[in-house]
Amino acid sequence: MNLYIYIPPLSAHPSSCFKGLMFGEIRRYWMQNNPSKFLEILLKFIQRLQDRGHSLQALTPLLTQAAVTLDSATWNPPSKESKDINSLYIHWKFHPEGIQRSDIQQIYKNMLQQHLEYDNARVAISRPKNLRDCLTKAKLTLPPDVNIQTLIEELSRDKSISHV
């Protein structure tokens, strides 16, 4: 039984989602373990992905890219000073057979960049709504007569009284 519900190989997710999962998990394993434990956990991760339906042939290039990236300094988050303030953000809904992020960036570079005053373009991909979004609502709402600040003050008063 596979309790690790990773993205299956035939999913309609953007390829960047699976790549992000791979890179993020490998990075986390590396940062939290010594080399021998890392190797043990990495082998389990690869086995779990194979149990989910991924082939080792498809995983190998991503594992290699992750290893190269792990060896380089690109794993470090960008500093606040290097953050691009002058970026154009393009929000796009993903479709497996639609235009890809790299194509949008190439169109921007070839046709629009010379006419706009942005340093670069970033494409933010979102997924369309699906049945789960409609059927399972996870949003928690407070009743209209409840004030969260009042609750916090009452709880802190109750704690101070119980410690006396």
Protein backbone atom coordinates (compact mmCIF):
# COMPACT_ATOMS: atom_id res chain seq x y z
CA MET A 1 0.00 0.00 0.00
CA ASN A 2 1.48 3.35 -1.05
CA LEU A 3 0.67 5.95 1.59
CA TYR A 4 2.92 8.53 -0.10
CA ILE A 5 0.49 10.25 -2.46
CA TYR A 6 3.00 11.85 -4.80
CA ILE A 7 1.96 13.28 -8.17
CA PRO A 8 1.31 10.34 -10.54
CA PRO A 9 3.11 10.21 -13.90
CA LEU A 10 -0.05 10.77 -15.97
CA SER A 11 -1.24 13.75 -13.94
CA ALA A 12 -2.29 16.98 -15.63
CA HIS A 13 -0.03 18.97 -13.30
CA PRO A 14 2.58 21.23 -14.91
CA SER A 15 5.93 19.44 -15.14
CA SER A 16 7.32 22.14 -12.84
CA CYS A 17 5.14 20.80 -9.98
CA PHE A 18 6.76 17.37 -10.12
CA LYS A 19 10.20 18.86 -10.59
CA GLY A 20 9.59 21.12 -7.58
CA LEU A 21 8.49 18.13 -5.52
CA MET A 22 11.65 16.23 -6.45
CA PHE A 23 14.03 19.12 -5.85
CA GLY A 24 12.33 20.19 -2.62
CA GLU A 25 12.25 16.70 -1.10
CA ILE A 26 15.87 15.97 -2.02
CA ARG A 27 16.98 19.33 -0.64
CA ARG A 28 15.10 18.73 2.60
CA TYR A 29 16.58 15.23 2.95
CA TRP A 30 20.08 16.63 2.38
CA MET A 31 19.72 19.47 4.86
CA GLN A 32 18.25 17.31 7.64
CA ASN A 33 20.46 14.22 7.47
CA ASN A 34 24.03 13.01 7.40
CA PRO A 35 25.31 11.54 4.08
CA SER A 36 24.58 7.88 4.92
CA LYS A 37 21.07 8.62 6.19
CA PHE A 38 20.47 10.88 3.15
CA LEU A 39 21.29 8.00 0.79
CA GLU A 40 18.95 5.67 2.68
CA ILE A 41 16.06 8.16 2.59
CA LEU A 42 16.71 9.06 -1.06
CA LEU A 43 16.49 5.39 -2.07
CA LYS A 44 13.18 5.08 -0.21
CA PHE A 45 11.92 8.24 -1.96
CA ILE A 46 12.84 6.82 -5.38
CA GLN A 47 11.14 3.51 -4.51
CA ARG A 48 7.98 5.35 -3.42
CA LEU A 49 7.90 7.29 -6.68
CA GLN A 50 8.28 4.04 -8.60
CA ASP A 51 5.45 2.52 -6.54
CA ARG A 52 3.36 5.52 -7.61
CA GLY A 53 4.01 4.63 -11.28
CA HIS A 54 7.09 6.66 -12.27
CA SER A 55 9.82 4.86 -14.18
CA LEU A 56 13.44 5.02 -13.15
CA GLN A 57 14.27 6.23 -16.68
CA ALA A 58 11.99 9.24 -16.23
CA LEU A 59 13.29 9.96 -12.71
CA THR A 60 17.01 9.76 -13.55
CA PRO A 61 17.31 13.13 -15.38
CA LEU A 62 15.47 14.93 -12.56
CA LEU A 63 17.61 13.23 -9.92
CA THR A 64 20.74 14.24 -11.83
CA GLN A 65 19.54 17.86 -12.13
CA ALA A 66 18.72 17.92 -8.42
CA ALA A 67 22.18 16.57 -7.55
CA VAL A 68 23.88 19.19 -9.73
CA THR A 69 21.75 21.94 -8.22
CA LEU A 70 22.38 20.64 -4.71
CA ASP A 71 26.14 20.90 -5.37
CA SER A 72 25.82 24.45 -6.63
CA ALA A 73 24.86 27.60 -4.75
CA THR A 74 21.46 27.90 -6.46
CA TRP A 75 19.72 26.18 -3.53
CA ASN A 76 20.12 29.33 -1.46
CA PRO A 77 17.05 31.55 -1.46
CA PRO A 78 17.59 34.89 -3.18
CA SER A 79 18.50 37.70 -0.85
CA LYS A 80 16.10 40.59 -0.35
CA GLU A 81 18.55 42.92 -2.10
CA SER A 82 18.50 40.83 -5.28
CA LYS A 83 14.73 40.67 -5.46
CA ASP A 84 13.46 42.12 -8.73
CA ILE A 85 11.20 45.03 -7.93
CA ASN A 86 10.65 45.82 -11.60
CA SER A 87 9.16 42.50 -12.78
CA LEU A 88 6.08 41.92 -14.87
CA TYR A 89 3.97 39.10 -13.40
CA ILE A 90 1.80 37.21 -15.85
CA HIS A 91 -0.83 34.94 -14.27
CA TRP A 92 -1.83 32.00 -16.44
CA LYS A 93 -4.12 29.02 -15.88
CA PHE A 94 -2.35 25.77 -16.67
CA HIS A 95 -3.65 23.33 -19.26
CA PRO A 96 -1.65 20.23 -20.20
CA GLU A 97 -1.97 20.99 -23.91
CA GLY A 98 -1.92 24.78 -23.62
CA ILE A 99 0.89 27.26 -24.04
CA GLN A 100 3.84 26.57 -21.75
CA ARG A 101 5.58 28.94 -19.34
CA SER A 102 8.76 28.98 -21.43
CA ASP A 103 6.76 29.91 -24.54
CA ILE A 104 5.13 32.84 -22.72
CA GLN A 105 8.52 34.07 -21.53
CA GLN A 106 9.93 33.75 -25.04
CA ILE A 107 7.02 35.74 -26.52
CA TYR A 108 7.58 38.42 -23.88
CA LYS A 109 11.30 38.55 -24.64
CA ASN A 110 10.89 38.64 -28.43
CA MET A 111 7.87 40.90 -28.79
CA LEU A 112 7.01 42.86 -25.65
CA GLN A 113 10.18 43.50 -23.68
CA GLN A 114 11.39 46.26 -25.98
CA HIS A 115 8.08 48.12 -25.53
CA LEU A 116 7.72 47.74 -21.76
CA GLU A 117 9.85 49.08 -18.94
CA TYR A 118 10.19 45.85 -16.94
CA ASP A 119 13.47 44.10 -16.24
CA ASN A 120 11.94 40.66 -16.77
CA ALA A 121 8.70 38.71 -16.87
CA ARG A 122 7.66 36.06 -14.38
CA VAL A 123 4.90 33.65 -15.32
CA ALA A 124 2.76 32.44 -12.41
CA ILE A 125 0.93 29.26 -13.33
CA SER A 126 -2.26 28.34 -11.49
CA ARG A 127 -4.46 25.34 -11.90
CA PRO A 128 -8.11 25.57 -12.89
CA LYS A 129 -10.81 24.66 -10.38
CA ASN A 130 -11.55 20.98 -10.11
CA LEU A 131 -14.22 18.82 -8.45
CA ARG A 132 -12.33 18.71 -5.16
CA ASP A 133 -12.52 22.49 -4.93
CA CYS A 134 -16.29 22.35 -5.34
CA LEU A 135 -16.93 19.34 -3.09
CA THR A 136 -14.57 19.91 -0.17
CA LYS A 137 -14.57 23.33 1.37
CA ALA A 138 -11.84 23.72 3.97
CA LYS A 139 -12.41 27.39 4.73
CA LEU A 140 -13.07 28.02 8.40
CA THR A 141 -15.26 30.94 9.33
CA LEU A 142 -16.06 32.42 12.71
CA PRO A 143 -19.63 33.13 13.71
CA PRO A 144 -20.46 36.83 13.25
CA ASP A 145 -20.78 37.43 17.01
CA VAL A 146 -17.27 36.08 17.84
CA ASN A 147 -14.32 38.44 18.14
CA ILE A 148 -10.97 36.65 18.02
CA GLN A 149 -9.14 39.38 19.95
CA THR A 150 -11.65 39.06 22.82
CA LEU A 151 -11.13 35.29 22.88
CA ILE A 152 -7.35 35.69 23.09
CA GLU A 153 -7.65 38.19 25.95
CA GLU A 154 -10.04 35.88 27.84
CA LEU A 155 -7.72 32.90 27.39
CA SER A 156 -4.70 34.84 28.60
CA ARG A 157 -6.68 36.04 31.64
CA ASP A 158 -7.79 32.48 32.40
CA LYS A 159 -4.17 31.25 32.20
CA SER A 160 -2.93 33.98 34.54
CA ILE A 161 -5.71 33.13 37.04
CA SER A 162 -4.91 29.40 36.96
CA HIS A 163 -1.21 30.07 37.66
CA VAL A 164 -1.97 32.06 40.84
